[in-house]
């Protein structure tokens, strides 16, 4: 079901939005809807159930000093050793 939404935006922003929409082959309304759809992920709970092992590990690295580079070093040692 669709619902009408009125937005008040700067003329230049609307002009640029129309140019981008035309290049993408979409309407401005579709681009706004696609953008707003991103908020859905933030407001709806994740329906997937965590396994007991994953649930027990969730948050275990919070506050740690671990970084992506640490993980990359681990993989290099594991696969190149």
PDB file of N, CA and C in Angstrom:
ATOM      1  N   UNK A   1       0.841  -1.165   0.000  1.00  0.00           N
ATOM      2  CA  UNK A   1       0.000   0.000   0.000  1.00  0.00           C
ATOM      3  C   UNK A   1       0.893   1.237   0.000  1.00  0.00           C
ATOM      4  N   UNK A   2       0.605   2.160  -0.869  1.00  0.00           N
ATOM      5  CA  UNK A   2       1.407   3.374  -0.959  1.00  0.00           C
ATOM      6  C   UNK A   2       0.726   4.520  -0.243  1.00  0.00           C
ATOM      7  N   UNK A   3       1.542   5.437   0.242  1.00  0.00           N
ATOM      8  CA  UNK A   3       1.036   6.598   0.938  1.00  0.00           C
ATOM      9  C   UNK A   3       1.762   7.825   0.409  1.00  0.00           C
ATOM     10  N   UNK A   4       1.052   8.909   0.278  1.00  0.00           N
ATOM     11  CA  UNK A   4       1.628  10.142  -0.237  1.00  0.00           C
ATOM     12  C   UNK A   4       2.403  10.852   0.876  1.00  0.00           C
ATOM     13  N   UNK A   5       3.569  11.412   0.519  1.00  0.00           N
ATOM     14  CA  UNK A   5       4.403  12.149   1.455  1.00  0.00           C
ATOM     15  C   UNK A   5       4.848  13.436   0.775  1.00  0.00           C
ATOM     16  N   UNK A   6       4.654  14.552   1.424  1.00  0.00           N
ATOM     17  CA  UNK A   6       5.063  15.834   0.864  1.00  0.00           C
ATOM     18  C   UNK A   6       6.348  16.277   1.544  1.00  0.00           C
ATOM     19  N   UNK A   7       7.352  16.592   0.744  1.00  0.00           N
ATOM     20  CA  UNK A   7       8.627  17.063   1.261  1.00  0.00           C
ATOM     21  C   UNK A   7       8.884  18.478   0.763  1.00  0.00           C
ATOM     22  N   UNK A   8       9.467  19.294   1.587  1.00  0.00           N
ATOM     23  CA  UNK A   8       9.867  20.637   1.180  1.00  0.00           C
ATOM     24  C   UNK A   8      11.387  20.657   1.168  1.00  0.00           C
ATOM     25  N   UNK A   9      11.944  20.847  -0.034  1.00  0.00           N
ATOM     26  CA  UNK A   9      13.389  20.805  -0.211  1.00  0.00           C
ATOM     27  C   UNK A   9      13.853  22.013  -1.009  1.00  0.00           C
ATOM     28  N   UNK A  10      15.112  22.332  -0.873  1.00  0.00           N
ATOM     29  CA  UNK A  10      15.727  23.410  -1.638  1.00  0.00           C
ATOM     30  C   UNK A  10      15.604  23.112  -3.137  1.00  0.00           C
ATOM     31  N   UNK A  11      15.342  24.155  -3.922  1.00  0.00           N
ATOM     32  CA  UNK A  11      15.163  23.984  -5.374  1.00  0.00           C
ATOM     33  C   UNK A  11      16.364  23.308  -6.030  1.00  0.00           C
ATOM     34  N   UNK A  12      17.574  23.689  -5.606  1.00  0.00           N
ATOM     35  CA  UNK A  12      18.773  23.106  -6.216  1.00  0.00           C
ATOM     36  C   UNK A  12      18.886  21.617  -5.914  1.00  0.00           C
ATOM     37  N   UNK A  13      18.504  21.226  -4.719  1.00  0.00           N
ATOM     38  CA  UNK A  13      18.553  19.804  -4.360  1.00  0.00           C
ATOM     39  C   UNK A  13      17.568  19.020  -5.218  1.00  0.00           C
ATOM     40  N   UNK A  14      16.379  19.564  -5.403  1.00  0.00           N
ATOM     41  CA  UNK A  14      15.366  18.902  -6.234  1.00  0.00           C
ATOM     42  C   UNK A  14      15.868  18.792  -7.666  1.00  0.00           C
ATOM     43  N   UNK A  15      16.473  19.865  -8.171  1.00  0.00           N
ATOM     44  CA  UNK A  15      16.992  19.862  -9.550  1.00  0.00           C
ATOM     45  C   UNK A  15      18.048  18.781  -9.716  1.00  0.00           C
ATOM     46  N   UNK A  16      18.984  18.706  -8.781  1.00  0.00           N
ATOM     47  CA  UNK A  16      20.031  17.686  -8.851  1.00  0.00           C
ATOM     48  C   UNK A  16      19.458  16.280  -8.690  1.00  0.00           C
ATOM     49  N   UNK A  17      18.482  16.128  -7.824  1.00  0.00           N
ATOM     50  CA  UNK A  17      17.849  14.819  -7.633  1.00  0.00           C
ATOM     51  C   UNK A  17      17.192  14.346  -8.926  1.00  0.00           C
ATOM     52  N   UNK A  18      16.550  15.255  -9.628  1.00  0.00           N
ATOM     53  CA  UNK A  18      15.904  14.887 -10.899  1.00  0.00           C
ATOM     54  C   UNK A  18      16.935  14.481 -11.946  1.00  0.00           C
ATOM     55  N   UNK A  19      18.069  15.161 -11.960  1.00  0.00           N
ATOM     56  CA  UNK A  19      19.137  14.817 -12.910  1.00  0.00           C
ATOM     57  C   UNK A  19      19.670  13.415 -12.614  1.00  0.00           C
ATOM     58  N   UNK A  20      19.939  13.149 -11.346  1.00  0.00           N
ATOM     59  CA  UNK A  20      20.460  11.838 -10.947  1.00  0.00           C
ATOM     60  C   UNK A  20      19.419  10.753 -11.218  1.00  0.00           C
ATOM     61  N   UNK A  21      18.175  11.035 -10.903  1.00  0.00           N
ATOM     62  CA  UNK A  21      17.105  10.056 -11.138  1.00  0.00           C
ATOM     63  C   UNK A  21      17.020   9.697 -12.616  1.00  0.00           C
ATOM     64  N   UNK A  22      17.103  10.700 -13.467  1.00  0.00           N
ATOM     65  CA  UNK A  22      17.028  10.454 -14.914  1.00  0.00           C
ATOM     66  C   UNK A  22      18.198   9.591 -15.369  1.00  0.00           C
ATOM     67  N   UNK A  23      19.407   9.876 -14.863  1.00  0.00           N
ATOM     68  CA  UNK A  23      20.580   9.081 -15.225  1.00  0.00           C
ATOM     69  C   UNK A  23      20.426   7.625 -14.782  1.00  0.00           C
ATOM     70  N   UNK A  24      19.782   7.424 -13.631  1.00  0.00           N
ATOM     71  CA  UNK A  24      19.612   6.072 -13.096  1.00  0.00           C
ATOM     72  C   UNK A  24      18.372   5.373 -13.635  1.00  0.00           C
ATOM     73  N   UNK A  25      17.555   6.096 -14.396  1.00  0.00           N
ATOM     74  CA  UNK A  25      16.341   5.504 -14.944  1.00  0.00           C
ATOM     75  C   UNK A  25      15.294   5.259 -13.880  1.00  0.00           C
ATOM     76  N   UNK A  26      15.275   6.118 -12.867  1.00  0.00           N
ATOM     77  CA  UNK A  26      14.318   6.000 -11.767  1.00  0.00           C
ATOM     78  C   UNK A  26      13.604   7.320 -11.577  1.00  0.00           C
ATOM     79  N   UNK A  27      12.520   7.272 -10.841  1.00  0.00           N
ATOM     80  CA  UNK A  27      11.860   8.504 -10.437  1.00  0.00           C
ATOM     81  C   UNK A  27      12.492   8.983  -9.134  1.00  0.00           C
ATOM     82  N   UNK A  28      12.324  10.261  -8.839  1.00  0.00           N
ATOM     83  CA  UNK A  28      12.809  10.785  -7.570  1.00  0.00           C
ATOM     84  C   UNK A  28      12.084  10.071  -6.427  1.00  0.00           C
ATOM     85  N   UNK A  29      10.807   9.807  -6.599  1.00  0.00           N
ATOM     86  CA  UNK A  29      10.056   9.086  -5.572  1.00  0.00           C
ATOM     87  C   UNK A  29      10.668   7.718  -5.296  1.00  0.00           C
ATOM     88  N   UNK A  30      11.081   7.015  -6.333  1.00  0.00           N
ATOM     89  CA  UNK A  30      11.681   5.684  -6.167  1.00  0.00           C
ATOM     90  C   UNK A  30      13.014   5.803  -5.428  1.00  0.00           C
ATOM     91  N   UNK A  31      13.804   6.826  -5.763  1.00  0.00           N
ATOM     92  CA  UNK A  31      15.087   6.997  -5.077  1.00  0.00           C
ATOM     93  C   UNK A  31      14.872   7.291  -3.593  1.00  0.00           C
ATOM     94  N   UNK A  32      13.883   8.132  -3.277  1.00  0.00           N
ATOM     95  CA  UNK A  32      13.585   8.438  -1.873  1.00  0.00           C
ATOM     96  C   UNK A  32      13.095   7.174  -1.164  1.00  0.00           C
ATOM     97  N   UNK A  33      12.243   6.410  -1.829  1.00  0.00           N
ATOM     98  CA  UNK A  33      11.745   5.172  -1.225  1.00  0.00           C
ATOM     99  C   UNK A  33      12.888   4.199  -0.968  1.00  0.00           C
ATOM    100  N   UNK A  34      13.796   4.063  -1.930  1.00  0.00           N
ATOM    101  CA  UNK A  34      14.945   3.178  -1.747  1.00  0.00           C
ATOM    102  C   UNK A  34      15.789   3.624  -0.552  1.00  0.00           C
ATOM    103  N   UNK A  35      15.973   4.932  -0.422  1.00  0.00           N
ATOM    104  CA  UNK A  35      16.743   5.458   0.704  1.00  0.00           C
ATOM    105  C   UNK A  35      16.034   5.189   2.024  1.00  0.00           C
ATOM    106  N   UNK A  36      14.753   5.466   2.075  1.00  0.00           N
ATOM    107  CA  UNK A  36      13.985   5.242   3.303  1.00  0.00           C
ATOM    108  C   UNK A  36      13.939   3.759   3.672  1.00  0.00           C
ATOM    109  N   UNK A  37      14.010   2.889   2.677  1.00  0.00           N
ATOM    110  CA  UNK A  37      13.987   1.447   2.942  1.00  0.00           C
ATOM    111  C   UNK A  37      15.187   1.031   3.790  1.00  0.00           C
ATOM    112  N   UNK A  38      16.270   1.785   3.715  1.00  0.00           N
ATOM    113  CA  UNK A  38      17.446   1.481   4.529  1.00  0.00           C
ATOM    114  C   UNK A  38      17.130   1.612   6.018  1.00  0.00           C
ATOM    115  N   UNK A  39      16.202   2.491   6.371  1.00  0.00           N
ATOM    116  CA  UNK A  39      15.831   2.679   7.775  1.00  0.00           C
ATOM    117  C   UNK A  39      15.093   1.481   8.335  1.00  0.00           C
ATOM    118  N   UNK A  40      14.482   0.716   7.464  1.00  0.00           N
ATOM    119  CA  UNK A  40      13.716  -0.455   7.896  1.00  0.00           C
ATOM    120  C   UNK A  40      14.608  -1.421   8.676  1.00  0.00           C
ATOM    121  N   UNK A  41      15.858  -1.556   8.236  1.00  0.00           N
ATOM    122  CA  UNK A  41      16.786  -2.455   8.904  1.00  0.00           C
ATOM    123  C   UNK A  41      17.046  -2.013  10.344  1.00  0.00           C
ATOM    124  N   UNK A  42      17.012  -0.705  10.581  1.00  0.00           N
ATOM    125  CA  UNK A  42      17.290  -0.179  11.917  1.00  0.00           C
ATOM    126  C   UNK A  42      16.099  -0.329  12.863  1.00  0.00           C
ATOM    127  N   UNK A  43      14.890  -0.373  12.323  1.00  0.00           N
ATOM    128  CA  UNK A  43      13.710  -0.349  13.174  1.00  0.00           C
ATOM    129  C   UNK A  43      13.054  -1.705  13.365  1.00  0.00           C
ATOM    130  N   UNK A  44      13.375  -2.672  12.521  1.00  0.00           N
ATOM    131  CA  UNK A  44      12.771  -3.993  12.650  1.00  0.00           C
ATOM    132  C   UNK A  44      13.765  -4.966  13.258  1.00  0.00           C
ATOM    133  N   UNK A  45      13.334  -5.774  14.205  1.00  0.00           N
ATOM    134  CA  UNK A  45      14.252  -6.749  14.804  1.00  0.00           C
ATOM    135  C   UNK A  45      14.653  -7.808  13.786  1.00  0.00           C
ATOM    136  N   UNK A  46      15.830  -8.337  13.969  1.00  0.00           N
ATOM    137  CA  UNK A  46      16.327  -9.397  13.099  1.00  0.00           C
ATOM    138  C   UNK A  46      15.606 -10.693  13.460  1.00  0.00           C
ATOM    139  N   UNK A  47      14.944 -11.300  12.480  1.00  0.00           N
ATOM    140  CA  UNK A  47      14.157 -12.504  12.729  1.00  0.00           C
ATOM    141  C   UNK A  47      15.002 -13.772  12.829  1.00  0.00           C
ATOM    142  N   UNK A  48      16.242 -13.689  12.405  1.00  0.00           N
ATOM    143  CA  UNK A  48      17.078 -14.885  12.453  1.00  0.00           C
ATOM    144  C   UNK A  48      17.382 -15.248  13.901  1.00  0.00           C
ATOM    145  N   UNK A  49      17.352 -16.512  14.180  1.00  0.00           N
ATOM    146  CA  UNK A  49      17.650 -16.999  15.523  1.00  0.00           C
ATOM    147  C   UNK A  49      19.134 -17.350  15.603  1.00  0.00           C
ATOM    148  N   UNK A  50      19.773 -16.938  16.679  1.00  0.00           N
ATOM    149  CA  UNK A  50      21.172 -17.268  16.884  1.00  0.00           C
ATOM    150  C   UNK A  50      21.277 -18.645  17.529  1.00  0.00           C
ATOM    151  N   UNK A  51      22.281 -19.394  17.080  1.00  0.00           N
ATOM    152  CA  UNK A  51      22.524 -20.687  17.706  1.00  0.00           C
ATOM    153  C   UNK A  51      23.090 -20.439  19.099  1.00  0.00           C
ATOM    154  N   UNK A  52      22.995 -21.407  20.000  1.00  0.00           N
ATOM    155  CA  UNK A  52      23.506 -21.212  21.364  1.00  0.00           C
ATOM    156  C   UNK A  52      24.990 -20.819  21.397  1.00  0.00           C
ATOM    157  N   UNK A  53      25.799 -21.401  20.523  1.00  0.00           N
ATOM    158  CA  UNK A  53      27.233 -21.073  20.515  1.00  0.00           C
ATOM    159  C   UNK A  53      27.443 -19.623  20.103  1.00  0.00           C
ATOM    160  N   UNK A  54      26.774 -19.204  19.036  1.00  0.00           N
ATOM    161  CA  UNK A  54      26.911 -17.821  18.564  1.00  0.00           C
ATOM    162  C   UNK A  54      26.386 -16.852  19.630  1.00  0.00           C
ATOM    163  N   UNK A  55      25.283 -17.175  20.241  1.00  0.00           N
ATOM    164  CA  UNK A  55      24.715 -16.322  21.299  1.00  0.00           C
ATOM    165  C   UNK A  55      25.710 -16.154  22.441  1.00  0.00           C
ATOM    166  N   UNK A  56      26.423 -17.234  22.785  1.00  0.00           N
ATOM    167  CA  UNK A  56      27.391 -17.154  23.885  1.00  0.00           C
ATOM    168  C   UNK A  56      28.602 -16.299  23.511  1.00  0.00           C
ATOM    169  N   UNK A  57      28.918 -16.220  22.228  1.00  0.00           N
ATOM    170  CA  UNK A  57      30.072 -15.433  21.778  1.00  0.00           C
ATOM    171  C   UNK A  57      29.716 -13.978  21.477  1.00  0.00           C
ATOM    172  N   UNK A  58      28.454 -13.703  21.294  1.00  0.00           N
ATOM    173  CA  UNK A  58      28.015 -12.357  20.915  1.00  0.00           C
ATOM    174  C   UNK A  58      28.497 -11.331  21.941  1.00  0.00           C
ATOM    175  N   UNK A  59      29.202 -10.315  21.434  1.00  0.00           N
ATOM    176  CA  UNK A  59      29.693  -9.244  22.288  1.00  0.00           C
ATOM    177  C   UNK A  59      30.986  -9.551  23.014  1.00  0.00           C
ATOM    178  N   UNK A  60      31.568 -10.709  22.772  1.00  0.00           N
ATOM    179  CA  UNK A  60      32.766 -11.092  23.525  1.00  0.00           C
ATOM    180  C   UNK A  60      33.980 -10.234  23.176  1.00  0.00           C
ATOM    181  N   UNK A  61      33.996  -9.603  22.017  1.00  0.00           N
ATOM    182  CA  UNK A  61      35.128  -8.753  21.639  1.00  0.00           C
ATOM    183  C   UNK A  61      34.861  -7.271  21.902  1.00  0.00           C
ATOM    184  N   UNK A  62      33.707  -6.948  22.443  1.00  0.00           N
ATOM    185  CA  UNK A  62      33.372  -5.553  22.715  1.00  0.00           C
ATOM    186  C   UNK A  62      34.417  -4.950  23.644  1.00  0.00           C
ATOM    187  N   UNK A  63      34.941  -3.808  23.247  1.00  0.00           N
ATOM    188  CA  UNK A  63      35.930  -3.125  24.068  1.00  0.00           C
ATOM    189  C   UNK A  63      37.348  -3.641  23.873  1.00  0.00           C
ATOM    190  N   UNK A  64      37.533  -4.609  22.987  1.00  0.00           N
ATOM    191  CA  UNK A  64      38.881  -5.142  22.768  1.00  0.00           C
ATOM    192  C   UNK A  64      39.636  -4.240  21.799  1.00  0.00           C
ATOM    193  N   UNK A  65      40.898  -4.477  21.707  1.00  0.00           N
ATOM    194  CA  UNK A  65      41.770  -3.699  20.828  1.00  0.00           C
ATOM    195  C   UNK A  65      41.896  -4.362  19.452  1.00  0.00           C
ATOM    196  N   UNK A  66      41.166  -5.420  19.191  1.00  0.00           N
ATOM    197  CA  UNK A  66      41.268  -6.158  17.933  1.00  0.00           C
ATOM    198  C   UNK A  66      40.836  -5.286  16.754  1.00  0.00           C
ATOM    199  N   UNK A  67      41.590  -5.412  15.671  1.00  0.00           N
ATOM    200  CA  UNK A  67      41.289  -4.660  14.452  1.00  0.00           C
ATOM    201  C   UNK A  67      41.282  -5.610  13.269  1.00  0.00           C
ATOM    202  N   UNK A  68      40.817  -5.129  12.143  1.00  0.00           N
ATOM    203  CA  UNK A  68      40.759  -5.940  10.927  1.00  0.00           C
ATOM    204  C   UNK A  68      42.168  -6.391  10.539  1.00  0.00           C
ATOM    205  N   UNK A  69      43.150  -5.531  10.717  1.00  0.00           N
ATOM    206  CA  UNK A  69      44.531  -5.890  10.362  1.00  0.00           C
ATOM    207  C   UNK A  69      45.011  -7.097  11.185  1.00  0.00           C
ATOM    208  N   UNK A  70      44.562  -7.210  12.437  1.00  0.00           N
ATOM    209  CA  UNK A  70      44.911  -8.376  13.258  1.00  0.00           C
ATOM    210  C   UNK A  70      44.363  -9.653  12.622  1.00  0.00           C
ATOM    211  N   UNK A  71      43.146  -9.585  12.139  1.00  0.00           N
ATOM    212  CA  UNK A  71      42.521 -10.739  11.496  1.00  0.00           C
ATOM    213  C   UNK A  71      43.272 -11.088  10.209  1.00  0.00           C
ATOM    214  N   UNK A  72      43.669 -10.083   9.452  1.00  0.00           N
ATOM    215  CA  UNK A  72      44.423 -10.345   8.217  1.00  0.00           C
ATOM    216  C   UNK A  72      45.754 -11.039   8.529  1.00  0.00           C
ATOM    217  N   UNK A  73      46.442 -10.582   9.574  1.00  0.00           N
ATOM    218  CA  UNK A  73      47.698 -11.233   9.973  1.00  0.00           C
ATOM    219  C   UNK A  73      47.447 -12.687  10.373  1.00  0.00           C
ATOM    220  N   UNK A  74      46.368 -12.922  11.091  1.00  0.00           N
ATOM    221  CA  UNK A  74      46.016 -14.286  11.492  1.00  0.00           C
ATOM    222  C   UNK A  74      45.823 -15.172  10.258  1.00  0.00           C
ATOM    223  N   UNK A  75      45.090 -14.664   9.263  1.00  0.00           N
ATOM    224  CA  UNK A  75      44.846 -15.458   8.050  1.00  0.00           C
ATOM    225  C   UNK A  75      46.128 -15.712   7.284  1.00  0.00           C
ATOM    226  N   UNK A  76      47.017 -14.717   7.222  1.00  0.00           N
ATOM    227  CA  UNK A  76      48.299 -14.899   6.534  1.00  0.00           C
ATOM    228  C   UNK A  76      49.111 -15.992   7.215  1.00  0.00           C
ATOM    229  N   UNK A  77      49.181 -15.956   8.543  1.00  0.00           N
ATOM    230  CA  UNK A  77      49.936 -16.981   9.279  1.00  0.00           C
ATOM    231  C   UNK A  77      49.313 -18.356   9.043  1.00  0.00           C
ATOM    232  N   UNK A  78      48.003 -18.408   9.082  1.00  0.00           N
ATOM    233  CA  UNK A  78      47.306 -19.689   8.952  1.00  0.00           C
ATOM    234  C   UNK A  78      47.503 -20.311   7.579  1.00  0.00           C
ATOM    235  N   UNK A  79      47.419 -19.489   6.531  1.00  0.00           N
ATOM    236  CA  UNK A  79      47.432 -20.044   5.174  1.00  0.00           C
ATOM    237  C   UNK A  79      48.787 -20.006   4.488  1.00  0.00           C
ATOM    238  N   UNK A  80      49.702 -19.226   5.004  1.00  0.00           N
ATOM    239  CA  UNK A  80      51.010 -19.141   4.370  1.00  0.00           C
ATOM    240  C   UNK A  80      52.097 -19.875   5.153  1.00  0.00           C
ATOM    241  N   UNK A  81      51.731 -20.388   6.288  1.00  0.00           N
ATOM    242  CA  UNK A  81      52.729 -21.077   7.127  1.00  0.00           C
ATOM    243  C   UNK A  81      52.974 -22.484   6.637  1.00  0.00           C
TER     244      UNK A  81
END
